Amino acid sequence: NKRGARSASIVVTPDHEMWHHDLKTLVPAKTLKVGDKLAAPGGVGLSDHGRQLVLGMMLGDGWFSSAKESGFFKASYFHKEEHRWYTDWKMSILNRGSIDKKGTHEMPNIYDPKLAELVHGRKDGCTTREKRLTREFASQIDLVGLAVWYMDDAAKSSRKALIKMQSYDLKEVKMFCAFLNARYGTDCRVKTWKDGNSQGHGIVLGFRMMELISRIRALLRRAE
């Protein structure tokens, strides 16, 4: 990979997947030929914690958008200025990122089209309302991702928390709630409400889930 007068080399296993710039997909390293262009400057892969950070964001109000010229995806979300410390913490997980004048935070380019397709069900450009929540999506989120989801969107009251899930339909929310209870032995429940002419739904996290998430949040703080 050359950048100006500088060059660098990497060593990987034959089956290690690399992002092919021209094909716009991941390919095994053993299929590469001399002259093939790999990941463009600015693209980043995801560590385990980085992947869970993105999944937690996507479970909430985050969304992917595609950069068609490179095939990369940007993970975006919105936080208020008073939560800047939290945004800075998120950016530290992936080393960098940017915030526009409206407060929308964009993470660095991510070359993980499989993750974007998992969240949105499509490979091209996406918006927050086009997300889907499947069992496959749910099965890939661990407690780190759930902690990020909670920190992003929870409205806490006493020992429980309500997380609104307007980006998903009620059937998907019921599936996810049942999945959480079966996987972690928790007491989460679905809540629906009506506000004027609009209806809403979300998940109320019970004491057991709050206890699990609190432990993970403590670990994440110590890892900063």
Protein backbone atom coordinates (compact mmCIF):
# COMPACT_ATOMS: atom_id res chain seq x y z
CA ASN A 1 0.00 0.00 0.00
CA LYS A 2 1.67 3.27 -1.14
CA ARG A 3 0.84 6.78 -0.02
CA GLY A 4 2.98 9.40 -1.74
CA ALA A 5 6.62 8.56 -1.14
CA ARG A 6 5.80 6.23 1.73
CA SER A 7 5.06 2.53 1.53
CA ALA A 8 4.09 -0.17 3.99
CA SER A 9 3.60 -3.91 3.94
CA ILE A 10 1.38 -6.26 5.91
CA VAL A 11 1.46 -10.03 6.42
CA VAL A 12 -1.80 -11.99 6.58
CA THR A 13 -2.98 -15.58 6.27
CA PRO A 14 -4.16 -16.78 2.82
CA ASP A 15 -7.82 -16.78 3.87
CA HIS A 16 -7.72 -13.35 5.53
CA GLU A 17 -10.31 -11.09 3.89
CA MET A 18 -9.14 -7.79 2.39
CA TRP A 19 -11.26 -4.97 0.96
CA HIS A 20 -10.82 -4.86 -2.83
CA HIS A 21 -11.12 -1.24 -3.99
CA ASP A 22 -12.31 -2.01 -7.55
CA LEU A 23 -14.60 -4.96 -6.79
CA LYS A 24 -16.07 -3.16 -3.74
CA THR A 25 -16.11 -6.34 -1.67
CA LEU A 26 -14.01 -8.43 0.71
CA VAL A 27 -11.85 -11.09 -0.95
CA PRO A 28 -9.43 -13.74 0.46
CA ALA A 29 -5.83 -12.54 0.40
CA LYS A 30 -4.79 -15.60 -1.64
CA THR A 31 -6.88 -14.34 -4.60
CA LEU A 32 -5.09 -10.98 -4.83
CA LYS A 33 -2.83 -10.17 -7.76
CA VAL A 34 0.02 -7.71 -8.13
CA GLY A 35 -1.45 -4.28 -8.80
CA ASP A 36 -4.78 -4.87 -7.02
CA LYS A 37 -5.90 -1.85 -5.00
CA LEU A 38 -6.83 -2.59 -1.42
CA ALA A 39 -8.54 -0.56 1.33
CA ALA A 40 -8.31 3.14 0.56
CA PRO A 41 -6.71 5.52 3.09
CA GLY A 42 -9.14 6.40 5.89
CA GLY A 43 -10.95 3.07 6.00
CA VAL A 44 -10.84 1.13 9.26
CA GLY A 45 -11.66 -2.39 10.33
CA LEU A 46 -13.49 -3.07 13.59
CA SER A 47 -12.11 -4.54 16.78
CA ASP A 48 -14.47 -6.70 18.85
CA HIS A 49 -15.39 -3.73 21.04
CA GLY A 50 -15.62 -1.47 17.99
CA ARG A 51 -18.07 -3.87 16.32
CA GLN A 52 -20.23 -4.00 19.44
CA LEU A 53 -20.12 -0.22 19.69
CA VAL A 54 -21.49 0.04 16.16
CA LEU A 55 -24.11 -2.68 16.70
CA GLY A 56 -25.31 -0.94 19.88
CA MET A 57 -25.59 2.35 17.99
CA MET A 58 -27.51 0.68 15.17
CA LEU A 59 -29.88 -0.98 17.63
CA GLY A 60 -30.73 2.54 18.76
CA ASP A 61 -30.97 5.58 16.51
CA GLY A 62 -27.70 5.19 14.60
CA TRP A 63 -27.59 4.50 10.87
CA PHE A 64 -25.26 3.56 8.06
CA SER A 65 -24.74 5.57 4.91
CA SER A 66 -22.61 4.47 1.99
CA ALA A 67 -19.77 6.29 0.28
CA LYS A 68 -20.39 5.07 -3.27
CA GLU A 69 -17.03 6.17 -4.60
CA SER A 70 -15.14 3.88 -2.21
CA GLY A 71 -17.61 1.19 -1.19
CA PHE A 72 -17.07 2.08 2.47
CA PHE A 73 -19.84 2.78 4.97
CA LYS A 74 -20.13 5.52 7.57
CA ALA A 75 -21.81 4.89 10.91
CA SER A 76 -23.64 8.02 12.05
CA TYR A 77 -25.66 9.10 15.08
CA PHE A 78 -26.68 12.28 16.91
CA HIS A 79 -25.83 13.49 20.44
CA LYS A 80 -26.45 16.83 22.12
CA GLU A 81 -23.52 19.10 22.94
CA GLU A 82 -23.80 18.37 26.67
CA HIS A 83 -23.05 14.72 25.84
CA ARG A 84 -19.84 15.62 24.03
CA TRP A 85 -17.80 13.61 26.55
CA TYR A 86 -19.71 10.50 25.48
CA THR A 87 -19.16 11.26 21.81
CA ASP A 88 -15.44 11.71 22.50
CA TRP A 89 -15.39 8.33 24.24
CA LYS A 90 -17.02 6.69 21.22
CA MET A 91 -14.51 8.29 18.88
CA SER A 92 -11.67 7.00 21.06
CA ILE A 93 -12.81 3.42 20.48
CA LEU A 94 -12.23 3.80 16.73
CA ASN A 95 -9.41 6.34 17.18
CA ARG A 96 -11.11 9.15 15.29
CA GLY A 97 -14.31 10.55 13.80
CA SER A 98 -16.00 13.87 13.04
CA ILE A 99 -18.96 15.99 14.16
CA ASP A 100 -20.83 18.34 11.83
CA LYS A 101 -22.46 21.65 12.77
CA LYS A 102 -25.78 19.95 13.52
CA GLY A 103 -24.17 17.62 16.04
CA THR A 104 -24.30 14.50 13.89
CA HIS A 105 -21.29 12.32 14.60
CA GLU A 106 -19.72 10.28 11.81
CA MET A 107 -17.29 7.51 12.56
CA PRO A 108 -14.38 6.77 10.21
CA ASN A 109 -15.11 4.83 7.03
CA ILE A 110 -15.82 1.19 7.85
CA TYR A 111 -15.13 -1.55 5.35
CA ASP A 112 -17.60 -4.11 6.66
CA PRO A 113 -20.38 -4.34 4.05
CA LYS A 114 -21.69 -7.51 5.69
CA LEU A 115 -22.41 -5.53 8.85
CA ALA A 116 -24.19 -2.77 6.93
CA GLU A 117 -26.27 -5.36 5.09
CA LEU A 118 -27.10 -7.09 8.39
CA VAL A 119 -28.46 -3.83 9.83
CA HIS A 120 -30.25 -2.46 6.75
CA GLY A 121 -30.93 -5.50 4.62
CA ARG A 122 -29.36 -3.85 1.57
CA LYS A 123 -25.88 -3.08 0.27
CA ASP A 124 -26.40 0.44 -1.05
CA GLY A 125 -27.24 3.76 0.66
CA CYS A 126 -29.44 3.60 3.73
CA THR A 127 -31.34 5.78 6.19
CA THR A 128 -32.32 5.24 9.83
CA ARG A 129 -35.92 4.26 8.88
CA GLU A 130 -34.78 1.44 6.63
CA LYS A 131 -33.24 -0.69 9.36
CA ARG A 132 -34.43 -4.18 10.20
CA LEU A 133 -34.06 -6.22 13.38
CA THR A 134 -33.65 -9.95 12.73
CA ARG A 135 -32.63 -12.85 14.96
CA GLU A 136 -29.29 -12.87 13.16
CA PHE A 137 -28.78 -9.22 14.10
CA ALA A 138 -29.85 -9.91 17.69
CA SER A 139 -27.57 -12.95 18.04
CA GLN A 140 -24.48 -10.88 17.16
CA ILE A 141 -25.01 -8.29 19.92
CA ASP A 142 -23.36 -9.07 23.26
CA LEU A 143 -23.56 -7.23 26.58
CA VAL A 144 -21.09 -4.59 25.42
CA GLY A 145 -23.39 -3.73 22.51
CA LEU A 146 -26.42 -3.73 24.82
CA ALA A 147 -24.59 -1.36 27.21
CA VAL A 148 -23.96 1.07 24.33
CA TRP A 149 -27.62 0.77 23.30
CA TYR A 150 -28.63 1.60 26.87
CA MET A 151 -26.23 4.56 27.15
CA ASP A 152 -27.45 5.91 23.81
CA ASP A 153 -31.19 5.73 24.26
CA ALA A 154 -32.42 4.73 27.73
CA ALA A 155 -34.77 6.91 29.76
CA LYS A 156 -34.08 5.70 33.30
CA SER A 157 -36.60 5.62 36.11
CA SER A 158 -35.88 3.91 39.43
CA ARG A 159 -34.36 0.46 38.76
CA LYS A 160 -35.85 0.12 35.29
CA ALA A 161 -35.26 1.84 31.97
CA LEU A 162 -37.43 2.36 28.89
CA ILE A 163 -35.72 2.33 25.51
CA LYS A 164 -37.88 3.57 22.65
CA MET A 165 -37.48 1.57 19.43
CA GLN A 166 -39.33 3.59 16.81
CA SER A 167 -36.87 2.54 14.08
CA TYR A 168 -38.33 -0.99 14.19
CA ASP A 169 -41.83 -2.35 13.90
CA LEU A 170 -43.64 -3.85 16.89
CA LYS A 171 -43.19 -7.44 15.69
CA GLU A 172 -39.40 -6.99 15.55
CA VAL A 173 -39.37 -5.40 19.02
CA LYS A 174 -41.36 -8.30 20.51
CA MET A 175 -38.94 -10.78 18.93
CA PHE A 176 -35.93 -8.94 20.34
CA CYS A 177 -37.43 -8.70 23.81
CA ALA A 178 -38.15 -12.44 23.87
CA PHE A 179 -34.62 -13.10 22.58
CA LEU A 180 -33.06 -11.06 25.41
CA ASN A 181 -35.11 -12.84 28.07
CA ALA A 182 -34.28 -16.28 26.68
CA ARG A 183 -30.57 -15.54 26.24
CA TYR A 184 -29.88 -13.75 29.53
CA GLY A 185 -32.71 -14.94 31.78
CA THR A 186 -33.93 -11.37 32.21
CA ASP A 187 -37.31 -9.77 32.82
CA CYS A 188 -37.56 -7.29 29.94
CA ARG A 189 -41.00 -6.46 28.57
CA VAL A 190 -42.47 -4.65 25.58
CA LYS A 191 -44.32 -1.40 26.23
CA THR A 192 -46.66 0.39 23.81
CA TRP A 193 -48.23 3.82 24.17
CA LYS A 194 -50.29 6.41 22.34
CA ASP A 195 -49.40 10.09 22.28
CA GLY A 196 -52.06 12.10 20.49
CA ASN A 197 -52.35 10.72 16.97
CA SER A 198 -49.06 8.82 17.12
CA GLN A 199 -48.24 5.46 18.64
CA GLY A 200 -44.95 4.24 20.02
CA HIS A 201 -43.29 1.12 21.37
CA GLY A 202 -40.13 0.11 23.13
CA ILE A 203 -38.58 -2.25 25.67
CA VAL A 204 -38.54 -1.83 29.44
CA LEU A 205 -35.36 -3.31 30.87
CA GLY A 206 -35.98 -5.11 34.15
CA PHE A 207 -33.73 -5.27 37.22
CA ARG A 208 -31.72 -8.29 36.02
CA MET A 209 -30.83 -6.71 32.68
CA MET A 210 -30.01 -3.40 34.37
CA GLU A 211 -27.67 -5.26 36.71
CA LEU A 212 -25.85 -6.96 33.80
CA ILE A 213 -25.54 -3.71 31.84
CA SER A 214 -24.26 -1.82 34.92
CA ARG A 215 -21.41 -4.32 35.28
CA ILE A 216 -20.42 -3.92 31.63
CA ARG A 217 -20.58 -0.12 31.85
CA ALA A 218 -18.20 -0.25 34.81
CA LEU A 219 -15.78 -2.41 32.80
CA LEU A 220 -15.98 -0.05 29.82
CA ARG A 221 -15.20 2.96 32.02
CA ARG A 222 -12.14 1.23 33.46
CA ALA A 223 -10.99 0.37 29.91
CA GLU A 224 -10.93 4.01 28.75
